[in-house]
Amino acid sequence: MGKYIISYIVFIVSTLAIMFLIGIVIGIFAVMFADPYQMQESLQGGALRFFIQLISLVVGLFCFRFAIRRFVENE
């Protein structure tokens, strides 16, 4: 049971860390290439939200796969 708890904690922490880093990268590109009005329009338009949700789905799946392979399948 301990392996499952550890793998779940690793899954959550790694997903949050990667999403934080992706947010930083998107923010850096937004500061370099867009003014505040363009950034607000892109957030309200929904395209950036869809892009972020798609990235979070992919990142979550890969982090879950890593956590399961690392901690559960080593039995």
Protein backbone atom coordinates (compact mmCIF):
# COMPACT_ATOMS: atom_id res chain seq x y z
CA MET A 1 0.00 0.00 0.00
CA GLY A 2 2.91 2.32 0.69
CA LYS A 3 4.11 2.09 -2.91
CA TYR A 4 0.77 3.33 -4.20
CA ILE A 5 0.76 6.31 -1.85
CA ILE A 6 4.33 7.24 -2.81
CA SER A 7 3.54 6.90 -6.53
CA TYR A 8 0.44 9.08 -6.11
CA ILE A 9 2.44 11.77 -4.30
CA VAL A 10 5.15 11.66 -6.98
CA PHE A 11 2.46 11.93 -9.66
CA ILE A 12 0.92 15.03 -8.06
CA VAL A 13 4.21 16.79 -7.32
CA SER A 14 5.70 16.11 -10.75
CA THR A 15 2.54 17.23 -12.56
CA LEU A 16 2.39 20.48 -10.58
CA ALA A 17 6.10 21.16 -11.07
CA ILE A 18 5.94 20.63 -14.84
CA MET A 19 2.79 22.76 -15.17
CA PHE A 20 4.50 25.52 -13.16
CA LEU A 21 7.50 25.43 -15.50
CA ILE A 22 5.26 25.48 -18.58
CA GLY A 23 3.47 28.51 -17.12
CA ILE A 24 6.77 30.27 -16.62
CA VAL A 25 7.80 29.57 -20.23
CA ILE A 26 4.45 30.79 -21.59
CA GLY A 27 4.73 33.90 -19.42
CA ILE A 28 8.24 34.65 -20.66
CA PHE A 29 7.14 34.36 -24.28
CA ALA A 30 4.11 36.54 -23.55
CA VAL A 31 6.28 39.25 -22.00
CA MET A 32 8.75 39.15 -24.89
CA PHE A 33 6.31 39.05 -27.81
CA ALA A 34 2.97 40.48 -26.68
CA ASP A 35 1.72 43.59 -24.97
CA PRO A 36 -0.72 43.33 -22.04
CA TYR A 37 -3.79 43.89 -24.23
CA GLN A 38 -2.90 41.04 -26.57
CA MET A 39 -2.24 38.72 -23.63
CA GLN A 40 -5.59 39.54 -22.03
CA GLU A 41 -7.38 39.00 -25.35
CA SER A 42 -5.73 35.61 -25.78
CA LEU A 43 -6.78 34.57 -22.28
CA GLN A 44 -10.37 35.68 -22.84
CA GLY A 45 -10.53 34.15 -26.32
CA GLY A 46 -10.19 30.60 -25.04
CA ALA A 47 -7.42 29.38 -27.34
CA LEU A 48 -4.76 29.66 -24.65
CA ARG A 49 -7.01 27.92 -22.13
CA PHE A 50 -7.54 25.03 -24.54
CA PHE A 51 -3.79 24.84 -25.15
CA ILE A 52 -3.09 24.75 -21.39
CA GLN A 53 -5.71 22.06 -20.80
CA LEU A 54 -4.28 19.94 -23.59
CA ILE A 55 -0.79 20.28 -22.14
CA SER A 56 -2.05 19.40 -18.66
CA LEU A 57 -3.69 16.24 -19.99
CA VAL A 58 -0.52 15.08 -21.74
CA VAL A 59 1.72 16.00 -18.79
CA GLY A 60 -0.60 14.23 -16.37
CA LEU A 61 -0.60 11.05 -18.41
CA PHE A 62 3.18 10.96 -18.71
CA CYS A 63 3.68 11.73 -15.00
CA PHE A 64 1.20 9.01 -14.05
CA ARG A 65 2.98 6.54 -16.32
CA PHE A 66 6.34 7.48 -14.80
CA ALA A 67 5.06 7.14 -11.23
CA ILE A 68 3.50 3.74 -11.87
CA ARG A 69 6.56 2.37 -13.66
CA ARG A 70 8.93 3.71 -11.04
CA PHE A 71 7.17 2.65 -7.85
CA VAL A 72 4.49 0.03 -8.58
CA GLU A 73 5.84 -2.20 -11.36
CA ASN A 74 9.07 -3.01 -9.48
CA GLU A 75 7.44 -5.82 -7.53
